[in-house]
Amino acid sequence: MRFLRKWVLAIALFLTLAFDGSLSFYMHQVLTFKSYSTGSFFLPIAIMLIALFDDVNSKEIWLAFFTGLVADCFFLGILGVNLVFLPLASWLCQKIARFWPETFWARLIIIIIGCVAFQIWNWGILRIVGLAVVPINQLVGSLVLTAVWSIPFFFVSYWIWGNLAQSYPFLIDLDAYRQ
């Protein structure tokens, strides 16, 4: 079963995808305030945290690409929302991690900005395609709610993704380096 160690992050992201969808479905009333709503952001937070913790593994960008492909098929049925954003966010977070401080609070700021950008990206793509007709004033209210809800999602998942990204990097066997 040692060959599965290379795939731990992919398996964990698949479980996060299922958890994220279930949480969004069952918790939509909690994630809504007045007429503003937000989604569950465990998947984008996971991708961004993996990239922030492991900024040298370019294979994780491909992991984000295929995670986006599966997420688009799972959530929306159209390709492009997660398929473009997740690898782009992974790549940007890897670049930012090289000069940004490796502290908890600095990563929290990046995650909040990333979640707000993800909400804007979702709104823009779904508006262009015609699947959403949300006015701009509701989007602005949702961005505030997204920033607020991304903080507890970050706190819950920070140490999980940090340990996974450092202990089980995607498609890299660390046993050769540990001997």
C-alpha atoms as a PDB file:
ATOM      1  CA  MET A   1       0.000   0.000   0.000  1.00  0.00           C
ATOM      2  CA  ARG A   2       3.043   2.254  -0.091  1.00  0.00           C
ATOM      3  CA  PHE A   3       2.221   3.256  -3.667  1.00  0.00           C
ATOM      4  CA  LEU A   4      -0.917   5.015  -2.372  1.00  0.00           C
ATOM      5  CA  ARG A   5       1.216   7.471  -0.402  1.00  0.00           C
ATOM      6  CA  LYS A   6       1.768   9.439  -3.614  1.00  0.00           C
ATOM      7  CA  TRP A   7      -1.991   9.730  -4.077  1.00  0.00           C
ATOM      8  CA  VAL A   8      -3.029  10.765  -0.551  1.00  0.00           C
ATOM      9  CA  LEU A   9      -3.641  14.389  -1.573  1.00  0.00           C
ATOM     10  CA  ALA A  10      -5.763  13.346  -4.564  1.00  0.00           C
ATOM     11  CA  ILE A  11      -7.856  11.010  -2.394  1.00  0.00           C
ATOM     12  CA  ALA A  12      -8.230  13.700   0.276  1.00  0.00           C
ATOM     13  CA  LEU A  13      -9.331  16.240  -2.347  1.00  0.00           C
ATOM     14  CA  PHE A  14     -11.901  13.791  -3.702  1.00  0.00           C
ATOM     15  CA  LEU A  15     -13.309  13.343  -0.176  1.00  0.00           C
ATOM     16  CA  THR A  16     -13.270  17.125   0.257  1.00  0.00           C
ATOM     17  CA  LEU A  17     -15.197  17.489  -2.985  1.00  0.00           C
ATOM     18  CA  ALA A  18     -17.935  15.178  -1.707  1.00  0.00           C
ATOM     19  CA  PHE A  19     -17.941  16.881   1.703  1.00  0.00           C
ATOM     20  CA  ASP A  20     -18.055  20.340   0.125  1.00  0.00           C
ATOM     21  CA  GLY A  21     -21.061  19.412  -2.012  1.00  0.00           C
ATOM     22  CA  SER A  22     -22.907  17.877   0.926  1.00  0.00           C
ATOM     23  CA  LEU A  23     -22.142  20.832   3.165  1.00  0.00           C
ATOM     24  CA  SER A  24     -23.337  23.303   0.530  1.00  0.00           C
ATOM     25  CA  PHE A  25     -26.540  21.360   0.045  1.00  0.00           C
ATOM     26  CA  TYR A  26     -27.456  20.896   3.699  1.00  0.00           C
ATOM     27  CA  MET A  27     -26.061  24.118   5.140  1.00  0.00           C
ATOM     28  CA  HIS A  28     -27.318  26.629   2.564  1.00  0.00           C
ATOM     29  CA  GLN A  29     -29.627  28.235   5.130  1.00  0.00           C
ATOM     30  CA  VAL A  30     -26.736  28.813   7.526  1.00  0.00           C
ATOM     31  CA  LEU A  31     -24.547  30.134   4.734  1.00  0.00           C
ATOM     32  CA  THR A  32     -27.208  32.721   3.856  1.00  0.00           C
ATOM     33  CA  PHE A  33     -27.718  36.054   5.592  1.00  0.00           C
ATOM     34  CA  LYS A  34     -30.725  38.126   4.534  1.00  0.00           C
ATOM     35  CA  SER A  35     -30.711  37.785   0.745  1.00  0.00           C
ATOM     36  CA  TYR A  36     -26.949  37.240   0.495  1.00  0.00           C
ATOM     37  CA  SER A  37     -25.582  33.743   0.247  1.00  0.00           C
ATOM     38  CA  THR A  38     -22.271  32.027  -0.142  1.00  0.00           C
ATOM     39  CA  GLY A  39     -21.115  28.521  -0.828  1.00  0.00           C
ATOM     40  CA  SER A  40     -18.892  26.133   0.993  1.00  0.00           C
ATOM     41  CA  PHE A  41     -15.288  26.779   0.051  1.00  0.00           C
ATOM     42  CA  PHE A  42     -13.419  23.783   1.450  1.00  0.00           C
ATOM     43  CA  LEU A  43     -12.218  22.708  -2.004  1.00  0.00           C
ATOM     44  CA  PRO A  44     -10.673  26.039  -3.140  1.00  0.00           C
ATOM     45  CA  ILE A  45      -9.242  26.556   0.340  1.00  0.00           C
ATOM     46  CA  ALA A  46      -7.689  23.093   0.179  1.00  0.00           C
ATOM     47  CA  ILE A  47      -6.119  23.751  -3.231  1.00  0.00           C
ATOM     48  CA  MET A  48      -4.760  27.118  -2.124  1.00  0.00           C
ATOM     49  CA  LEU A  49      -3.388  25.765   1.171  1.00  0.00           C
ATOM     50  CA  ILE A  50      -1.680  22.859  -0.564  1.00  0.00           C
ATOM     51  CA  ALA A  51       0.008  25.334  -2.905  1.00  0.00           C
ATOM     52  CA  LEU A  52       1.008  27.614  -0.032  1.00  0.00           C
ATOM     53  CA  PHE A  53       2.541  24.771   1.959  1.00  0.00           C
ATOM     54  CA  ASP A  54       4.311  23.101  -0.972  1.00  0.00           C
ATOM     55  CA  ASP A  55       5.388  25.778  -3.418  1.00  0.00           C
ATOM     56  CA  VAL A  56       7.898  23.708  -5.407  1.00  0.00           C
ATOM     57  CA  ASN A  57       5.765  20.780  -6.590  1.00  0.00           C
ATOM     58  CA  SER A  58       4.461  21.697 -10.042  1.00  0.00           C
ATOM     59  CA  LYS A  59       2.501  18.428 -10.182  1.00  0.00           C
ATOM     60  CA  GLU A  60       0.038  19.949  -7.728  1.00  0.00           C
ATOM     61  CA  ILE A  61      -1.090  22.354 -10.448  1.00  0.00           C
ATOM     62  CA  TRP A  62      -2.116  19.300 -12.485  1.00  0.00           C
ATOM     63  CA  LEU A  63      -3.837  17.944  -9.388  1.00  0.00           C
ATOM     64  CA  ALA A  64      -5.772  21.219  -9.163  1.00  0.00           C
ATOM     65  CA  PHE A  65      -6.635  20.984 -12.871  1.00  0.00           C
ATOM     66  CA  PHE A  66      -8.098  17.494 -12.606  1.00  0.00           C
ATOM     67  CA  THR A  67      -9.813  18.373  -9.323  1.00  0.00           C
ATOM     68  CA  GLY A  68     -11.404  21.328 -11.128  1.00  0.00           C
ATOM     69  CA  LEU A  69     -12.507  19.057 -13.952  1.00  0.00           C
ATOM     70  CA  VAL A  70     -14.182  16.640 -11.540  1.00  0.00           C
ATOM     71  CA  ALA A  71     -15.661  19.514  -9.517  1.00  0.00           C
ATOM     72  CA  ASP A  72     -17.188  21.130 -12.600  1.00  0.00           C
ATOM     73  CA  CYS A  73     -18.738  17.841 -13.674  1.00  0.00           C
ATOM     74  CA  PHE A  74     -19.944  17.189 -10.113  1.00  0.00           C
ATOM     75  CA  PHE A  75     -21.302  20.626  -9.207  1.00  0.00           C
ATOM     76  CA  LEU A  76     -22.272  22.472 -12.378  1.00  0.00           C
ATOM     77  CA  GLY A  77     -22.252  20.253 -15.429  1.00  0.00           C
ATOM     78  CA  ILE A  78     -20.367  22.897 -17.403  1.00  0.00           C
ATOM     79  CA  LEU A  79     -16.605  23.069 -17.685  1.00  0.00           C
ATOM     80  CA  GLY A  80     -14.630  26.155 -16.895  1.00  0.00           C
ATOM     81  CA  VAL A  81     -15.515  27.526 -13.487  1.00  0.00           C
ATOM     82  CA  ASN A  82     -13.337  25.287 -11.309  1.00  0.00           C
ATOM     83  CA  LEU A  83     -11.312  23.923 -14.224  1.00  0.00           C
ATOM     84  CA  VAL A  84      -9.719  27.317 -14.820  1.00  0.00           C
ATOM     85  CA  PHE A  85      -9.775  28.848 -11.349  1.00  0.00           C
ATOM     86  CA  LEU A  86      -8.298  26.017  -9.271  1.00  0.00           C
ATOM     87  CA  PRO A  87      -5.083  25.528 -11.302  1.00  0.00           C
ATOM     88  CA  LEU A  88      -4.691  29.289 -11.643  1.00  0.00           C
ATOM     89  CA  ALA A  89      -5.145  29.738  -7.888  1.00  0.00           C
ATOM     90  CA  SER A  90      -2.685  26.917  -7.210  1.00  0.00           C
ATOM     91  CA  TRP A  91      -0.093  28.451  -9.501  1.00  0.00           C
ATOM     92  CA  LEU A  92      -0.568  31.948  -8.043  1.00  0.00           C
ATOM     93  CA  CYS A  93      -0.393  30.667  -4.466  1.00  0.00           C
ATOM     94  CA  GLN A  94       2.834  28.813  -5.253  1.00  0.00           C
ATOM     95  CA  LYS A  95       4.317  32.018  -6.657  1.00  0.00           C
ATOM     96  CA  ILE A  96       3.064  34.104  -3.729  1.00  0.00           C
ATOM     97  CA  ALA A  97       4.378  31.583  -1.180  1.00  0.00           C
ATOM     98  CA  ARG A  98       7.936  32.176  -2.363  1.00  0.00           C
ATOM     99  CA  PHE A  99       8.027  35.766  -1.135  1.00  0.00           C
ATOM    100  CA  TRP A 100       5.070  35.987   1.276  1.00  0.00           C
ATOM    101  CA  PRO A 101       5.755  35.137   4.941  1.00  0.00           C
ATOM    102  CA  GLU A 102       5.024  31.536   5.899  1.00  0.00           C
ATOM    103  CA  THR A 103       2.838  32.453   8.840  1.00  0.00           C
ATOM    104  CA  PHE A 104      -0.671  31.470   9.765  1.00  0.00           C
ATOM    105  CA  TRP A 105      -2.071  35.005   9.485  1.00  0.00           C
ATOM    106  CA  ALA A 106      -0.394  35.752   6.161  1.00  0.00           C
ATOM    107  CA  ARG A 107      -1.890  32.588   4.697  1.00  0.00           C
ATOM    108  CA  LEU A 108      -5.294  33.541   6.110  1.00  0.00           C
ATOM    109  CA  ILE A 109      -5.159  36.829   4.192  1.00  0.00           C
ATOM    110  CA  ILE A 110      -4.314  34.993   0.957  1.00  0.00           C
ATOM    111  CA  ILE A 111      -7.155  32.506   1.501  1.00  0.00           C
ATOM    112  CA  ILE A 112      -9.713  35.258   2.153  1.00  0.00           C
ATOM    113  CA  ILE A 113      -8.640  37.096  -1.007  1.00  0.00           C
ATOM    114  CA  GLY A 114      -8.696  33.825  -2.948  1.00  0.00           C
ATOM    115  CA  CYS A 115     -12.195  32.903  -1.756  1.00  0.00           C
ATOM    116  CA  VAL A 116     -13.525  36.343  -2.652  1.00  0.00           C
ATOM    117  CA  ALA A 117     -11.865  36.055  -6.074  1.00  0.00           C
ATOM    118  CA  PHE A 118     -13.435  32.604  -6.479  1.00  0.00           C
ATOM    119  CA  GLN A 119     -16.873  34.037  -5.700  1.00  0.00           C
ATOM    120  CA  ILE A 120     -16.383  36.833  -8.257  1.00  0.00           C
ATOM    121  CA  TRP A 121     -15.114  34.317 -10.833  1.00  0.00           C
ATOM    122  CA  ASN A 122     -18.152  32.067 -10.242  1.00  0.00           C
ATOM    123  CA  TRP A 123     -20.509  34.999 -10.554  1.00  0.00           C
ATOM    124  CA  GLY A 124     -18.879  36.257 -13.735  1.00  0.00           C
ATOM    125  CA  ILE A 125     -18.802  32.903 -15.514  1.00  0.00           C
ATOM    126  CA  LEU A 126     -22.326  31.922 -14.476  1.00  0.00           C
ATOM    127  CA  ARG A 127     -23.589  35.351 -15.468  1.00  0.00           C
ATOM    128  CA  ILE A 128     -21.970  35.098 -18.908  1.00  0.00           C
ATOM    129  CA  VAL A 129     -23.357  31.603 -19.462  1.00  0.00           C
ATOM    130  CA  GLY A 130     -26.796  32.684 -18.243  1.00  0.00           C
ATOM    131  CA  LEU A 131     -27.115  30.280 -15.309  1.00  0.00           C
ATOM    132  CA  ALA A 132     -27.217  33.071 -12.733  1.00  0.00           C
ATOM    133  CA  VAL A 133     -29.010  36.381 -12.761  1.00  0.00           C
ATOM    134  CA  VAL A 134     -27.679  37.820  -9.525  1.00  0.00           C
ATOM    135  CA  PRO A 135     -27.393  41.623  -9.501  1.00  0.00           C
ATOM    136  CA  ILE A 136     -24.128  43.300  -8.577  1.00  0.00           C
ATOM    137  CA  ASN A 137     -25.443  44.574  -5.214  1.00  0.00           C
ATOM    138  CA  GLN A 138     -26.197  41.012  -4.107  1.00  0.00           C
ATOM    139  CA  LEU A 139     -22.745  39.980  -5.266  1.00  0.00           C
ATOM    140  CA  VAL A 140     -21.133  42.630  -3.049  1.00  0.00           C
ATOM    141  CA  GLY A 141     -23.131  41.392  -0.039  1.00  0.00           C
ATOM    142  CA  SER A 142     -22.125  37.839  -0.850  1.00  0.00           C
ATOM    143  CA  LEU A 143     -18.474  38.839  -0.972  1.00  0.00           C
ATOM    144  CA  VAL A 144     -18.626  40.089   2.594  1.00  0.00           C
ATOM    145  CA  LEU A 145     -20.335  36.876   3.682  1.00  0.00           C
ATOM    146  CA  THR A 146     -17.776  34.837   1.743  1.00  0.00           C
ATOM    147  CA  ALA A 147     -14.913  36.605   3.505  1.00  0.00           C
ATOM    148  CA  VAL A 148     -16.528  35.953   6.880  1.00  0.00           C
ATOM    149  CA  TRP A 149     -17.298  32.260   6.212  1.00  0.00           C
ATOM    150  CA  SER A 150     -13.896  31.534   4.715  1.00  0.00           C
ATOM    151  CA  ILE A 151     -12.272  32.260   8.086  1.00  0.00           C
ATOM    152  CA  PRO A 152     -13.822  29.302   9.995  1.00  0.00           C
ATOM    153  CA  PHE A 153     -13.333  27.054   6.942  1.00  0.00           C
ATOM    154  CA  PHE A 154      -9.669  28.071   6.992  1.00  0.00           C
ATOM    155  CA  PHE A 155      -9.327  27.415  10.733  1.00  0.00           C
ATOM    156  CA  VAL A 156     -10.904  23.975  10.424  1.00  0.00           C
ATOM    157  CA  SER A 157      -8.767  22.845   7.525  1.00  0.00           C
ATOM    158  CA  TYR A 158      -5.406  24.612   7.986  1.00  0.00           C
ATOM    159  CA  TRP A 159      -3.576  21.934   9.938  1.00  0.00           C
ATOM    160  CA  ILE A 160      -5.113  19.086   7.978  1.00  0.00           C
ATOM    161  CA  TRP A 161      -3.914  20.388   4.599  1.00  0.00           C
ATOM    162  CA  GLY A 162      -0.614  21.552   6.029  1.00  0.00           C
ATOM    163  CA  ASN A 163       0.185  18.090   7.377  1.00  0.00           C
ATOM    164  CA  LEU A 164      -1.008  16.352   4.218  1.00  0.00           C
ATOM    165  CA  ALA A 165       0.900  18.660   1.858  1.00  0.00           C
ATOM    166  CA  GLN A 166       4.136  18.335   3.812  1.00  0.00           C
ATOM    167  CA  SER A 167       3.908  14.632   4.651  1.00  0.00           C
ATOM    168  CA  TYR A 168       2.393  13.345   1.399  1.00  0.00           C
ATOM    169  CA  PRO A 169       3.313  15.601  -1.542  1.00  0.00           C
ATOM    170  CA  PHE A 170       1.473  14.697  -4.722  1.00  0.00           C
ATOM    171  CA  LEU A 171       3.255  12.081  -6.891  1.00  0.00           C
ATOM    172  CA  ILE A 172       6.533  12.417  -4.975  1.00  0.00           C
ATOM    173  CA  ASP A 173       7.989   9.540  -2.988  1.00  0.00           C
ATOM    174  CA  LEU A 174       9.719  10.964   0.064  1.00  0.00           C
ATOM    175  CA  ASP A 175      11.074   7.587   1.191  1.00  0.00           C
ATOM    176  CA  ALA A 176      14.095   8.066  -1.079  1.00  0.00           C
ATOM    177  CA  TYR A 177      14.987  11.258   0.812  1.00  0.00           C
ATOM    178  CA  ARG A 178      14.287   9.966   4.325  1.00  0.00           C
ATOM    179  CA  GLN A 179      16.939   7.200   4.284  1.00  0.00           C
END
